[in-house]
Amino acid sequence: MGWHIDFDDCAKSDLVKLDLFDARGVLQYLNRIIAPNEDPRRVGHPYGDQWLYETNGVLISVKISDNIEHTESAPDEGKDVETPKNDEDTKATPDKPTILVLAICRKDQNTLQRNSNLPESQTPL
């Protein structure tokens, strides 16, 4: 099982702010360790409704969505089956579960608290 990794706009901005070494390390970690993992929760840490990963002093906050809608079920009798009209309609239901990267920061900067919807009392790793 593979995972599709997508970046929130805030996470894209955070990634650009990192130096080249750290940014490359984050991308390699996500693509080589997290994406091919059967259950990425095993290597992460729960953080409210999000998950945290750490690589080389960089924290990565993600939301894991593994609820896949199955569209290949048999149609009910007497009902018309609606088929996608273009490529845009087929992208609405992904074929892989998704990991949405929400925020990225160096561990010495505690910007995850600023970017998350968690109470101030919870602190990251």
PDB file of N, CA and C in Angstrom:
ATOM      1  N   MET A   1       0.840  -1.172   0.000  1.00  0.00           N
ATOM      2  CA  MET A   1       0.000   0.000   0.000  1.00  0.00           C
ATOM      3  C   MET A   1       0.884   1.233   0.000  1.00  0.00           C
ATOM      4  N   GLY A   2       0.578   2.179  -0.847  1.00  0.00           N
ATOM      5  CA  GLY A   2       1.324   3.421  -0.887  1.00  0.00           C
ATOM      6  C   GLY A   2       0.427   4.582  -0.506  1.00  0.00           C
ATOM      7  N   TRP A   3       1.037   5.644  -0.085  1.00  0.00           N
ATOM      8  CA  TRP A   3       0.301   6.828   0.342  1.00  0.00           C
ATOM      9  C   TRP A   3       0.605   7.989  -0.586  1.00  0.00           C
ATOM     10  N   HIS A   4      -0.420   8.763  -0.885  1.00  0.00           N
ATOM     11  CA  HIS A   4      -0.252   9.990  -1.668  1.00  0.00           C
ATOM     12  C   HIS A   4       0.061  11.113  -0.681  1.00  0.00           C
ATOM     13  N   ILE A   5       1.112  11.867  -0.931  1.00  0.00           N
ATOM     14  CA  ILE A   5       1.481  12.965  -0.047  1.00  0.00           C
ATOM     15  C   ILE A   5       1.143  14.278  -0.725  1.00  0.00           C
ATOM     16  N   ASP A   6       0.386  15.111  -0.019  1.00  0.00           N
ATOM     17  CA  ASP A   6      -0.033  16.411  -0.532  1.00  0.00           C
ATOM     18  C   ASP A   6       0.379  17.468   0.483  1.00  0.00           C
ATOM     19  N   PHE A   7       0.646  18.686  -0.005  1.00  0.00           N
ATOM     20  CA  PHE A   7       1.098  19.762   0.864  1.00  0.00           C
ATOM     21  C   PHE A   7       0.059  20.873   0.934  1.00  0.00           C
ATOM     22  N   ASP A   8      -0.278  21.269   2.147  1.00  0.00           N
ATOM     23  CA  ASP A   8      -1.092  22.443   2.423  1.00  0.00           C
ATOM     24  C   ASP A   8      -0.277  23.674   1.978  1.00  0.00           C
ATOM     25  N   ASP A   9      -0.937  24.784   1.653  1.00  0.00           N
ATOM     26  CA  ASP A   9      -0.226  25.997   1.233  1.00  0.00           C
ATOM     27  C   ASP A   9       0.754  26.482   2.302  1.00  0.00           C
ATOM     28  N   CYS A  10       0.359  26.380   3.558  1.00  0.00           N
ATOM     29  CA  CYS A  10       1.228  26.792   4.664  1.00  0.00           C
ATOM     30  C   CYS A  10       2.483  25.910   4.711  1.00  0.00           C
ATOM     31  N   ALA A  11       2.312  24.610   4.490  1.00  0.00           N
ATOM     32  CA  ALA A  11       3.448  23.684   4.515  1.00  0.00           C
ATOM     33  C   ALA A  11       4.395  23.953   3.344  1.00  0.00           C
ATOM     34  N   LYS A  12       3.835  24.311   2.195  1.00  0.00           N
ATOM     35  CA  LYS A  12       4.689  24.667   1.048  1.00  0.00           C
ATOM     36  C   LYS A  12       5.549  25.868   1.394  1.00  0.00           C
ATOM     37  N   SER A  13       4.928  26.858   2.029  1.00  0.00           N
ATOM     38  CA  SER A  13       5.656  28.058   2.439  1.00  0.00           C
ATOM     39  C   SER A  13       6.737  27.708   3.461  1.00  0.00           C
ATOM     40  N   ASP A  14       6.405  26.833   4.429  1.00  0.00           N
ATOM     41  CA  ASP A  14       7.373  26.399   5.436  1.00  0.00           C
ATOM     42  C   ASP A  14       8.546  25.665   4.788  1.00  0.00           C
ATOM     43  N   LEU A  15       8.259  24.837   3.798  1.00  0.00           N
ATOM     44  CA  LEU A  15       9.304  24.059   3.127  1.00  0.00           C
ATOM     45  C   LEU A  15      10.281  24.980   2.400  1.00  0.00           C
ATOM     46  N   VAL A  16       9.771  26.014   1.763  1.00  0.00           N
ATOM     47  CA  VAL A  16      10.621  26.968   1.035  1.00  0.00           C
ATOM     48  C   VAL A  16      11.526  27.733   1.994  1.00  0.00           C
ATOM     49  N   LYS A  17      11.078  27.943   3.230  1.00  0.00           N
ATOM     50  CA  LYS A  17      11.863  28.692   4.217  1.00  0.00           C
ATOM     51  C   LYS A  17      13.041  27.894   4.770  1.00  0.00           C
ATOM     52  N   LEU A  18      12.982  26.567   4.655  1.00  0.00           N
ATOM     53  CA  LEU A  18      14.088  25.731   5.137  1.00  0.00           C
ATOM     54  C   LEU A  18      15.285  25.860   4.202  1.00  0.00           C
ATOM     55  N   ASP A  19      16.487  25.586   4.742  1.00  0.00           N
ATOM     56  CA  ASP A  19      17.646  25.556   3.851  1.00  0.00           C
ATOM     57  C   ASP A  19      17.556  24.315   2.961  1.00  0.00           C
ATOM     58  N   LEU A  20      18.337  24.288   1.919  1.00  0.00           N
ATOM     59  CA  LEU A  20      18.252  23.228   0.915  1.00  0.00           C
ATOM     60  C   LEU A  20      18.459  21.839   1.519  1.00  0.00           C
ATOM     61  N   PHE A  21      19.416  21.705   2.426  1.00  0.00           N
ATOM     62  CA  PHE A  21      19.701  20.415   3.060  1.00  0.00           C
ATOM     63  C   PHE A  21      18.476  19.892   3.813  1.00  0.00           C
ATOM     64  N   ASP A  22      17.861  20.758   4.642  1.00  0.00           N
ATOM     65  CA  ASP A  22      16.695  20.333   5.424  1.00  0.00           C
ATOM     66  C   ASP A  22      15.485  20.059   4.543  1.00  0.00           C
ATOM     67  N   ALA A  23      15.256  20.906   3.538  1.00  0.00           N
ATOM     68  CA  ALA A  23      14.114  20.721   2.639  1.00  0.00           C
ATOM     69  C   ALA A  23      14.233  19.392   1.896  1.00  0.00           C
ATOM     70  N   ARG A  24      15.423  19.102   1.406  1.00  0.00           N
ATOM     71  CA  ARG A  24      15.648  17.838   0.706  1.00  0.00           C
ATOM     72  C   ARG A  24      15.455  16.659   1.652  1.00  0.00           C
ATOM     73  N   GLY A  25      15.918  16.795   2.890  1.00  0.00           N
ATOM     74  CA  GLY A  25      15.754  15.739   3.882  1.00  0.00           C
ATOM     75  C   GLY A  25      14.289  15.461   4.189  1.00  0.00           C
ATOM     76  N   VAL A  26      13.482  16.525   4.275  1.00  0.00           N
ATOM     77  CA  VAL A  26      12.045  16.361   4.534  1.00  0.00           C
ATOM     78  C   VAL A  26      11.390  15.613   3.381  1.00  0.00           C
ATOM     79  N   LEU A  27      11.680  16.025   2.164  1.00  0.00           N
ATOM     80  CA  LEU A  27      11.069  15.381   0.988  1.00  0.00           C
ATOM     81  C   LEU A  27      11.490  13.923   0.870  1.00  0.00           C
ATOM     82  N   GLN A  28      12.771  13.651   1.114  1.00  0.00           N
ATOM     83  CA  GLN A  28      13.236  12.267   1.053  1.00  0.00           C
ATOM     84  C   GLN A  28      12.596  11.421   2.151  1.00  0.00           C
ATOM     85  N   TYR A  29      12.470  11.977   3.345  1.00  0.00           N
ATOM     86  CA  TYR A  29      11.845  11.252   4.453  1.00  0.00           C
ATOM     87  C   TYR A  29      10.395  10.910   4.112  1.00  0.00           C
ATOM     88  N   LEU A  30       9.658  11.888   3.609  1.00  0.00           N
ATOM     89  CA  LEU A  30       8.256  11.646   3.270  1.00  0.00           C
ATOM     90  C   LEU A  30       8.120  10.622   2.150  1.00  0.00           C
ATOM     91  N   ASN A  31       8.964  10.729   1.129  1.00  0.00           N
ATOM     92  CA  ASN A  31       8.846   9.845  -0.032  1.00  0.00           C
ATOM     93  C   ASN A  31       9.433   8.456   0.182  1.00  0.00           C
ATOM     94  N   ARG A  32      10.468   8.337   0.999  1.00  0.00           N
ATOM     95  CA  ARG A  32      11.130   7.039   1.177  1.00  0.00           C
ATOM     96  C   ARG A  32      10.687   6.273   2.415  1.00  0.00           C
ATOM     97  N   ILE A  33      10.285   6.997   3.461  1.00  0.00           N
ATOM     98  CA  ILE A  33       9.914   6.332   4.714  1.00  0.00           C
ATOM     99  C   ILE A  33       8.400   6.314   4.912  1.00  0.00           C
ATOM    100  N   ILE A  34       7.758   7.456   4.752  1.00  0.00           N
ATOM    101  CA  ILE A  34       6.332   7.570   5.076  1.00  0.00           C
ATOM    102  C   ILE A  34       5.444   7.051   3.948  1.00  0.00           C
ATOM    103  N   ALA A  35       5.634   7.521   2.730  1.00  0.00           N
ATOM    104  CA  ALA A  35       4.740   7.158   1.609  1.00  0.00           C
ATOM    105  C   ALA A  35       4.659   5.649   1.363  1.00  0.00           C
ATOM    106  N   PRO A  36       5.761   4.909   1.350  1.00  0.00           N
ATOM    107  CA  PRO A  36       5.641   3.470   1.089  1.00  0.00           C
ATOM    108  C   PRO A  36       5.230   2.647   2.314  1.00  0.00           C
ATOM    109  N   ASN A  37       5.185   3.251   3.490  1.00  0.00           N
ATOM    110  CA  ASN A  37       4.876   2.536   4.725  1.00  0.00           C
ATOM    111  C   ASN A  37       3.421   2.083   4.718  1.00  0.00           C
ATOM    112  N   GLU A  38       3.186   0.860   5.137  1.00  0.00           N
ATOM    113  CA  GLU A  38       1.820   0.338   5.170  1.00  0.00           C
ATOM    114  C   GLU A  38       0.962   1.092   6.188  1.00  0.00           C
ATOM    115  N   ASP A  39       1.542   1.439   7.336  1.00  0.00           N
ATOM    116  CA  ASP A  39       0.830   2.224   8.345  1.00  0.00           C
ATOM    117  C   ASP A  39       1.761   3.320   8.862  1.00  0.00           C
ATOM    118  N   PRO A  40       1.656   4.537   8.319  1.00  0.00           N
ATOM    119  CA  PRO A  40       2.568   5.604   8.728  1.00  0.00           C
ATOM    120  C   PRO A  40       2.382   6.038  10.180  1.00  0.00           C
ATOM    121  N   ARG A  41       1.316   5.616  10.812  1.00  0.00           N
ATOM    122  CA  ARG A  41       1.111   5.960  12.223  1.00  0.00           C
ATOM    123  C   ARG A  41       2.133   5.268  13.125  1.00  0.00           C
ATOM    124  N   ARG A  42       2.683   4.146  12.661  1.00  0.00           N
ATOM    125  CA  ARG A  42       3.660   3.402  13.470  1.00  0.00           C
ATOM    126  C   ARG A  42       4.953   4.184  13.681  1.00  0.00           C
ATOM    127  N   VAL A  43       5.315   5.041  12.753  1.00  0.00           N
ATOM    128  CA  VAL A  43       6.567   5.784  12.885  1.00  0.00           C
ATOM    129  C   VAL A  43       6.350   7.224  13.320  1.00  0.00           C
ATOM    130  N   GLY A  44       5.085   7.626  13.502  1.00  0.00           N
ATOM    131  CA  GLY A  44       4.780   8.989  13.916  1.00  0.00           C
ATOM    132  C   GLY A  44       4.327   9.049  15.361  1.00  0.00           C
ATOM    133  N   HIS A  45       4.083  10.263  15.804  1.00  0.00           N
ATOM    134  CA  HIS A  45       3.600  10.502  17.159  1.00  0.00           C
ATOM    135  C   HIS A  45       2.262  11.230  17.078  1.00  0.00           C
ATOM    136  N   PRO A  46       1.233  10.759  17.797  1.00  0.00           N
ATOM    137  CA  PRO A  46      -0.053  11.450  17.769  1.00  0.00           C
ATOM    138  C   PRO A  46       0.064  12.838  18.390  1.00  0.00           C
ATOM    139  N   TYR A  47      -0.629  13.795  17.801  1.00  0.00           N
ATOM    140  CA  TYR A  47      -0.602  15.193  18.247  1.00  0.00           C
ATOM    141  C   TYR A  47      -1.988  15.768  17.996  1.00  0.00           C
ATOM    142  N   GLY A  48      -2.911  15.511  18.924  1.00  0.00           N
ATOM    143  CA  GLY A  48      -4.307  15.888  18.703  1.00  0.00           C
ATOM    144  C   GLY A  48      -4.874  15.031  17.585  1.00  0.00           C
ATOM    145  N   ASP A  49      -5.461  15.661  16.570  1.00  0.00           N
ATOM    146  CA  ASP A  49      -5.966  14.905  15.421  1.00  0.00           C
ATOM    147  C   ASP A  49      -4.936  14.833  14.301  1.00  0.00           C
ATOM    148  N   GLN A  50      -3.721  15.279  14.595  1.00  0.00           N
ATOM    149  CA  GLN A  50      -2.625  15.258  13.622  1.00  0.00           C
ATOM    150  C   GLN A  50      -1.565  14.257  14.064  1.00  0.00           C
ATOM    151  N   TRP A  51      -0.571  14.077  13.196  1.00  0.00           N
ATOM    152  CA  TRP A  51       0.567  13.209  13.506  1.00  0.00           C
ATOM    153  C   TRP A  51       1.842  13.983  13.277  1.00  0.00           C
ATOM    154  N   LEU A  52       2.846  13.749  14.115  1.00  0.00           N
ATOM    155  CA  LEU A  52       4.137  14.409  13.988  1.00  0.00           C
ATOM    156  C   LEU A  52       5.209  13.410  13.589  1.00  0.00           C
ATOM    157  N   TYR A  53       6.079  13.862  12.718  1.00  0.00           N
ATOM    158  CA  TYR A  53       7.258  13.107  12.333  1.00  0.00           C
ATOM    159  C   TYR A  53       8.461  14.012  12.541  1.00  0.00           C
ATOM    160  N   GLU A  54       9.607  13.414  12.812  1.00  0.00           N
ATOM    161  CA  GLU A  54      10.825  14.188  12.988  1.00  0.00           C
ATOM    162  C   GLU A  54      11.936  13.572  12.164  1.00  0.00           C
ATOM    163  N   THR A  55      12.651  14.421  11.450  1.00  0.00           N
ATOM    164  CA  THR A  55      13.814  13.975  10.705  1.00  0.00           C
ATOM    165  C   THR A  55      14.884  15.052  10.763  1.00  0.00           C
ATOM    166  N   ASN A  56      16.051  14.714  11.268  1.00  0.00           N
ATOM    167  CA  ASN A  56      17.192  15.632  11.349  1.00  0.00           C
ATOM    168  C   ASN A  56      16.833  16.981  11.967  1.00  0.00           C
ATOM    169  N   GLY A  57      16.080  16.961  13.063  1.00  0.00           N
ATOM    170  CA  GLY A  57      15.747  18.192  13.760  1.00  0.00           C
ATOM    171  C   GLY A  57      14.633  19.009  13.134  1.00  0.00           C
ATOM    172  N   VAL A  58      13.929  18.433  12.176  1.00  0.00           N
ATOM    173  CA  VAL A  58      12.814  19.112  11.533  1.00  0.00           C
ATOM    174  C   VAL A  58      11.529  18.357  11.890  1.00  0.00           C
ATOM    175  N   LEU A  59      10.522  19.101  12.368  1.00  0.00           N
ATOM    176  CA  LEU A  59       9.217  18.509  12.686  1.00  0.00           C
ATOM    177  C   LEU A  59       8.271  18.668  11.510  1.00  0.00           C
ATOM    178  N   ILE A  60       7.505  17.621  11.243  1.00  0.00           N
ATOM    179  CA  ILE A  60       6.536  17.622  10.148  1.00  0.00           C
ATOM    180  C   ILE A  60       5.181  17.257  10.747  1.00  0.00           C
ATOM    181  N   SER A  61       4.207  18.146  10.614  1.00  0.00           N
ATOM    182  CA  SER A  61       2.862  17.896  11.112  1.00  0.00           C
ATOM    183  C   SER A  61       1.974  17.510   9.940  1.00  0.00           C
ATOM    184  N   VAL A  62       1.281  16.373  10.069  1.00  0.00           N
ATOM    185  CA  VAL A  62       0.450  15.875   8.969  1.00  0.00           C
ATOM    186  C   VAL A  62      -0.917  15.457   9.474  1.00  0.00           C
ATOM    187  N   LYS A  63      -1.841  15.370   8.547  1.00  0.00           N
ATOM    188  CA  LYS A  63      -3.172  14.809   8.806  1.00  0.00           C
ATOM    189  C   LYS A  63      -3.286  13.589   7.896  1.00  0.00           C
ATOM    190  N   ILE A  64      -3.621  12.446   8.473  1.00  0.00           N
ATOM    191  CA  ILE A  64      -3.697  11.200   7.715  1.00  0.00           C
ATOM    192  C   ILE A  64      -5.153  10.899   7.392  1.00  0.00           C
ATOM    193  N   SER A  65      -5.424  10.693   6.115  1.00  0.00           N
ATOM    194  CA  SER A  65      -6.784  10.389   5.666  1.00  0.00           C
ATOM    195  C   SER A  65      -6.757   9.092   4.875  1.00  0.00           C
ATOM    196  N   ASP A  66      -7.231   8.016   5.495  1.00  0.00           N
ATOM    197  CA  ASP A  66      -7.232   6.730   4.796  1.00  0.00           C
ATOM    198  C   ASP A  66      -8.634   6.233   4.514  1.00  0.00           C
ATOM    199  N   ASN A  67      -9.608   7.107   4.533  1.00  0.00           N
ATOM    200  CA  ASN A  67     -10.987   6.738   4.186  1.00  0.00           C
ATOM    201  C   ASN A  67     -11.161   6.877   2.683  1.00  0.00           C
ATOM    202  N   ILE A  68     -11.183   5.762   2.004  1.00  0.00           N
ATOM    203  CA  ILE A  68     -11.326   5.766   0.551  1.00  0.00           C
ATOM    204  C   ILE A  68     -12.761   5.444   0.200  1.00  0.00           C
ATOM    205  N   GLU A  69     -13.347   6.244  -0.661  1.00  0.00           N
ATOM    206  CA  GLU A  69     -14.697   5.956  -1.116  1.00  0.00           C
ATOM    207  C   GLU A  69     -14.616   4.917  -2.227  1.00  0.00           C
ATOM    208  N   HIS A  70     -15.369   3.857  -2.084  1.00  0.00           N
ATOM    209  CA  HIS A  70     -15.381   2.819  -3.101  1.00  0.00           C
ATOM    210  C   HIS A  70     -16.507   3.127  -4.076  1.00  0.00           C
ATOM    211  N   THR A  71     -16.156   3.377  -5.332  1.00  0.00           N
ATOM    212  CA  THR A  71     -17.160   3.760  -6.326  1.00  0.00           C
ATOM    213  C   THR A  71     -17.506   2.609  -7.249  1.00  0.00           C
ATOM    214  N   GLU A  72     -16.940   1.429  -7.026  1.00  0.00           N
ATOM    215  CA  GLU A  72     -17.168   0.317  -7.936  1.00  0.00           C
ATOM    216  C   GLU A  72     -18.272  -0.616  -7.450  1.00  0.00           C
ATOM    217  N   SER A  73     -19.125  -0.165  -6.543  1.00  0.00           N
ATOM    218  CA  SER A  73     -20.197  -1.020  -6.050  1.00  0.00           C
ATOM    219  C   SER A  73     -21.264  -1.198  -7.124  1.00  0.00           C
ATOM    220  N   ALA A  74     -22.028  -2.256  -6.987  1.00  0.00           N
ATOM    221  CA  ALA A  74     -23.076  -2.542  -7.969  1.00  0.00           C
ATOM    222  C   ALA A  74     -24.178  -1.499  -7.868  1.00  0.00           C
ATOM    223  N   PRO A  75     -24.680  -1.011  -8.987  1.00  0.00           N
ATOM    224  CA  PRO A  75     -25.738  -0.009  -8.945  1.00  0.00           C
ATOM    225  C   PRO A  75     -27.060  -0.617  -8.500  1.00  0.00           C
ATOM    226  N   ASP A  76     -27.901   0.217  -7.872  1.00  0.00           N
ATOM    227  CA  ASP A  76     -29.239  -0.231  -7.480  1.00  0.00           C
ATOM    228  C   ASP A  76     -30.086  -0.393  -8.730  1.00  0.00           C
ATOM    229  N   GLU A  77     -31.013  -1.340  -8.673  1.00  0.00           N
ATOM    230  CA  GLU A  77     -31.885  -1.556  -9.835  1.00  0.00           C
ATOM    231  C   GLU A  77     -32.777  -0.345 -10.047  1.00  0.00           C
ATOM    232  N   GLY A  78     -32.954   0.018 -11.314  1.00  0.00           N
ATOM    233  CA  GLY A  78     -33.838   1.117 -11.658  1.00  0.00           C
ATOM    234  C   GLY A  78     -33.199   2.486 -11.533  1.00  0.00           C
ATOM    235  N   LYS A  79     -31.959   2.575 -11.042  1.00  0.00           N
ATOM    236  CA  LYS A  79     -31.294   3.872 -10.916  1.00  0.00           C
ATOM    237  C   LYS A  79     -30.217   3.983 -11.985  1.00  0.00           C
ATOM    238  N   ASP A  80     -30.088   5.185 -12.520  1.00  0.00           N
ATOM    239  CA  ASP A  80     -29.045   5.426 -13.504  1.00  0.00           C
ATOM    240  C   ASP A  80     -27.709   5.569 -12.791  1.00  0.00           C
ATOM    241  N   VAL A  81     -26.657   5.102 -13.433  1.00  0.00           N
ATOM    242  CA  VAL A  81     -25.316   5.224 -12.884  1.00  0.00           C
ATOM    243  C   VAL A  81     -24.659   6.426 -13.541  1.00  0.00           C
ATOM    244  N   GLU A  82     -24.175   7.347 -12.705  1.00  0.00           N
ATOM    245  CA  GLU A  82     -23.522   8.541 -13.237  1.00  0.00           C
ATOM    246  C   GLU A  82     -22.035   8.245 -13.421  1.00  0.00           C
ATOM    247  N   THR A  83     -21.531   8.480 -14.602  1.00  0.00           N
ATOM    248  CA  THR A  83     -20.119   8.261 -14.883  1.00  0.00           C
ATOM    249  C   THR A  83     -19.416   9.604 -14.960  1.00  0.00           C
ATOM    250  N   PRO A  84     -18.126   9.642 -14.642  1.00  0.00           N
ATOM    251  CA  PRO A  84     -17.398  10.899 -14.727  1.00  0.00           C
ATOM    252  C   PRO A  84     -17.392  11.430 -16.162  1.00  0.00           C
ATOM    253  N   LYS A  85     -17.547  12.742 -16.293  1.00  0.00           N
ATOM    254  CA  LYS A  85     -17.605  13.361 -17.608  1.00  0.00           C
ATOM    255  C   LYS A  85     -16.240  13.796 -18.115  1.00  0.00           C
ATOM    256  N   ASN A  86     -15.311  14.055 -17.191  1.00  0.00           N
ATOM    257  CA  ASN A  86     -13.975  14.471 -17.606  1.00  0.00           C
ATOM    258  C   ASN A  86     -12.955  14.060 -16.554  1.00  0.00           C
ATOM    259  N   ASP A  87     -11.700  14.402 -16.785  1.00  0.00           N
ATOM    260  CA  ASP A  87     -10.634  14.033 -15.859  1.00  0.00           C
ATOM    261  C   ASP A  87     -10.804  14.669 -14.489  1.00  0.00           C
ATOM    262  N   GLU A  88     -11.386  15.870 -14.424  1.00  0.00           N
ATOM    263  CA  GLU A  88     -11.581  16.549 -13.149  1.00  0.00           C
ATOM    264  C   GLU A  88     -12.455  15.715 -12.216  1.00  0.00           C
ATOM    265  N   ASP A  89     -13.484  15.076 -12.757  1.00  0.00           N
ATOM    266  CA  ASP A  89     -14.386  14.275 -11.932  1.00  0.00           C
ATOM    267  C   ASP A  89     -13.701  13.028 -11.391  1.00  0.00           C
ATOM    268  N   THR A  90     -12.766  12.471 -12.113  1.00  0.00           N
ATOM    269  CA  THR A  90     -12.104  11.255 -11.660  1.00  0.00           C
ATOM    270  C   THR A  90     -11.075  11.560 -10.584  1.00  0.00           C
ATOM    271  N   LYS A  91     -10.591  12.791 -10.480  1.00  0.00           N
ATOM    272  CA  LYS A  91      -9.616  13.144  -9.463  1.00  0.00           C
ATOM    273  C   LYS A  91     -10.261  13.339  -8.101  1.00  0.00           C
ATOM    274  N   ALA A  92     -11.565  13.419  -8.043  1.00  0.00           N
ATOM    275  CA  ALA A  92     -12.260  13.682  -6.784  1.00  0.00           C
ATOM    276  C   ALA A  92     -12.109  12.524  -5.803  1.00  0.00           C
ATOM    277  N   THR A  93     -11.983  11.299  -6.280  1.00  0.00           N
ATOM    278  CA  THR A  93     -11.785  10.159  -5.389  1.00  0.00           C
ATOM    279  C   THR A  93     -10.405   9.571  -5.648  1.00  0.00           C
ATOM    280  N   PRO A  94      -9.456   9.822  -4.745  1.00  0.00           N
ATOM    281  CA  PRO A  94      -8.090   9.341  -4.961  1.00  0.00           C
ATOM    282  C   PRO A  94      -8.014   7.821  -4.877  1.00  0.00           C
ATOM    283  N   ASP A  95      -7.032   7.257  -5.601  1.00  0.00           N
ATOM    284  CA  ASP A  95      -6.874   5.814  -5.560  1.00  0.00           C
ATOM    285  C   ASP A  95      -5.975   5.383  -4.408  1.00  0.00           C
ATOM    286  N   LYS A  96      -5.329   6.324  -3.744  1.00  0.00           N
ATOM    287  CA  LYS A  96      -4.482   6.025  -2.604  1.00  0.00           C
ATOM    288  C   LYS A  96      -4.928   6.866  -1.415  1.00  0.00           C
ATOM    289  N   PRO A  97      -4.737   6.356  -0.206  1.00  0.00           N
ATOM    290  CA  PRO A  97      -4.988   7.189   0.964  1.00  0.00           C
ATOM    291  C   PRO A  97      -4.013   8.372   0.963  1.00  0.00           C
ATOM    292  N   THR A  98      -4.396   9.454   1.613  1.00  0.00           N
ATOM    293  CA  THR A  98      -3.633  10.693   1.527  1.00  0.00           C
ATOM    294  C   THR A  98      -3.056  11.118   2.866  1.00  0.00           C
ATOM    295  N   ILE A  99      -1.845  11.641   2.797  1.00  0.00           N
ATOM    296  CA  ILE A  99      -1.215  12.293   3.934  1.00  0.00           C
ATOM    297  C   ILE A  99      -1.088  13.757   3.553  1.00  0.00           C
ATOM    298  N   LEU A 100      -1.759  14.627   4.293  1.00  0.00           N
ATOM    299  CA  LEU A 100      -1.708  16.061   4.028  1.00  0.00           C
ATOM    300  C   LEU A 100      -0.715  16.687   4.992  1.00  0.00           C
ATOM    301  N   VAL A 101       0.364  17.252   4.439  1.00  0.00           N
ATOM    302  CA  VAL A 101       1.375  17.919   5.258  1.00  0.00           C
ATOM    303  C   VAL A 101       0.841  19.304   5.600  1.00  0.00           C
ATOM    304  N   LEU A 102       0.731  19.594   6.907  1.00  0.00           N
ATOM    305  CA  LEU A 102       0.146  20.851   7.364  1.00  0.00           C
ATOM    306  C   LEU A 102       1.182  21.904   7.716  1.00  0.00           C
ATOM    307  N   ALA A 103       2.279  21.498   8.350  1.00  0.00           N
ATOM    308  CA  ALA A 103       3.299  22.452   8.779  1.00  0.00           C
ATOM    309  C   ALA A 103       4.642  21.755   8.883  1.00  0.00           C
ATOM    310  N   ILE A 104       5.703  22.523   8.660  1.00  0.00           N
ATOM    311  CA  ILE A 104       7.071  22.021   8.749  1.00  0.00           C
ATOM    312  C   ILE A 104       7.890  23.087   9.458  1.00  0.00           C
ATOM    313  N   CYS A 105       8.688  22.687  10.450  1.00  0.00           N
ATOM    314  CA  CYS A 105       9.561  23.668  11.101  1.00  0.00           C
ATOM    315  C   CYS A 105      10.752  22.971  11.734  1.00  0.00           C
ATOM    316  N   ARG A 106      11.806  23.737  11.977  1.00  0.00           N
ATOM    317  CA  ARG A 106      12.947  23.223  12.723  1.00  0.00           C
ATOM    318  C   ARG A 106      12.494  22.979  14.152  1.00  0.00           C
ATOM    319  N   LYS A 107      13.041  21.969  14.785  1.00  0.00           N
ATOM    320  CA  LYS A 107      12.616  21.609  16.139  1.00  0.00           C
ATOM    321  C   LYS A 107      12.900  22.737  17.129  1.00  0.00           C
ATOM    322  N   ASP A 108      13.929  23.544  16.884  1.00  0.00           N
ATOM    323  CA  ASP A 108      14.252  24.638  17.794  1.00  0.00           C
ATOM    324  C   ASP A 108      13.293  25.825  17.638  1.00  0.00           C
ATOM    325  N   GLN A 109      12.510  25.860  16.559  1.00  0.00           N
ATOM    326  CA  GLN A 109      11.479  26.881  16.379  1.00  0.00           C
ATOM    327  C   GLN A 109      10.149  26.203  16.680  1.00  0.00           C
ATOM    328  N   ASN A 110       9.389  26.736  17.579  1.00  0.00           N
ATOM    329  CA  ASN A 110       8.128  26.086  17.920  1.00  0.00           C
ATOM    330  C   ASN A 110       6.981  26.742  17.162  1.00  0.00           C
ATOM    331  N   THR A 111       7.030  26.678  15.840  1.00  0.00           N
ATOM    332  CA  THR A 111       5.980  27.296  15.040  1.00  0.00           C
ATOM    333  C   THR A 111       4.813  26.365  14.795  1.00  0.00           C
ATOM    334  N   LEU A 112       4.937  25.088  15.156  1.00  0.00           N
ATOM    335  CA  LEU A 112       3.812  24.172  14.975  1.00  0.00           C
ATOM    336  C   LEU A 112       2.634  24.592  15.846  1.00  0.00           C
ATOM    337  N   GLN A 113       2.915  25.102  17.041  1.00  0.00           N
ATOM    338  CA  GLN A 113       1.835  25.547  17.915  1.00  0.00           C
ATOM    339  C   GLN A 113       1.056  26.675  17.239  1.00  0.00           C
ATOM    340  N   ARG A 114       1.762  27.570  16.578  1.00  0.00           N
ATOM    341  CA  ARG A 114       1.127  28.692  15.882  1.00  0.00           C
ATOM    342  C   ARG A 114       0.270  28.191  14.731  1.00  0.00           C
ATOM    343  N   ASN A 115       0.711  27.146  14.037  1.00  0.00           N
ATOM    344  CA  ASN A 115       0.029  26.669  12.846  1.00  0.00           C
ATOM    345  C   ASN A 115      -1.070  25.649  13.118  1.00  0.00           C
ATOM    346  N   SER A 116      -1.178  25.171  14.337  1.00  0.00           N
ATOM    347  CA  SER A 116      -2.157  24.116  14.599  1.00  0.00           C
ATOM    348  C   SER A 116      -3.361  24.671  15.344  1.00  0.00           C
ATOM    349  N   ASN A 117      -4.392  23.867  15.427  1.00  0.00           N
ATOM    350  CA  ASN A 117      -5.600  24.234  16.139  1.00  0.00           C
ATOM    351  C   ASN A 117      -5.631  23.617  17.530  1.00  0.00           C
ATOM    352  N   LEU A 118      -4.464  23.308  18.083  1.00  0.00           N
ATOM    353  CA  LEU A 118      -4.409  22.644  19.375  1.00  0.00           C
ATOM    354  C   LEU A 118      -4.288  23.662  20.504  1.00  0.00           C
ATOM    355  N   PRO A 119      -4.726  23.282  21.684  1.00  0.00           N
ATOM    356  CA  PRO A 119      -4.593  24.180  22.831  1.00  0.00           C
ATOM    357  C   PRO A 119      -3.131  24.447  23.157  1.00  0.00           C
ATOM    358  N   GLU A 120      -2.860  25.570  23.770  1.00  0.00           N
ATOM    359  CA  GLU A 120      -1.494  25.958  24.115  1.00  0.00           C
ATOM    360  C   GLU A 120      -0.818  24.949  25.052  1.00  0.00           C
ATOM    361  N   SER A 121      -1.606  24.208  25.831  1.00  0.00           N
ATOM    362  CA  SER A 121      -1.035  23.287  26.804  1.00  0.00           C
ATOM    363  C   SER A 121      -0.333  22.096  26.167  1.00  0.00           C
ATOM    364  N   GLN A 122      -0.701  21.762  24.910  1.00  0.00           N
ATOM    365  CA  GLN A 122      -0.045  20.643  24.239  1.00  0.00           C
ATOM    366  C   GLN A 122       1.183  21.147  23.525  1.00  0.00           C
ATOM    367  N   THR A 123       2.306  20.525  23.759  1.00  0.00           N
ATOM    368  CA  THR A 123       3.541  20.932  23.105  1.00  0.00           C
ATOM    369  C   THR A 123       4.045  19.807  22.246  1.00  0.00           C
ATOM    370  N   PRO A 124       4.653  20.139  21.095  1.00  0.00           N
ATOM    371  CA  PRO A 124       5.198  19.085  20.244  1.00  0.00           C
ATOM    372  C   PRO A 124       6.412  18.431  20.866  1.00  0.00           C
ATOM    373  N   LEU A 125       6.847  17.372  20.279  1.00  0.00           N
ATOM    374  CA  LEU A 125       7.980  16.559  20.745  1.00  0.00           C
ATOM    375  C   LEU A 125       8.997  17.372  21.453  1.00  0.00           C
TER     376      LEU A 125
END
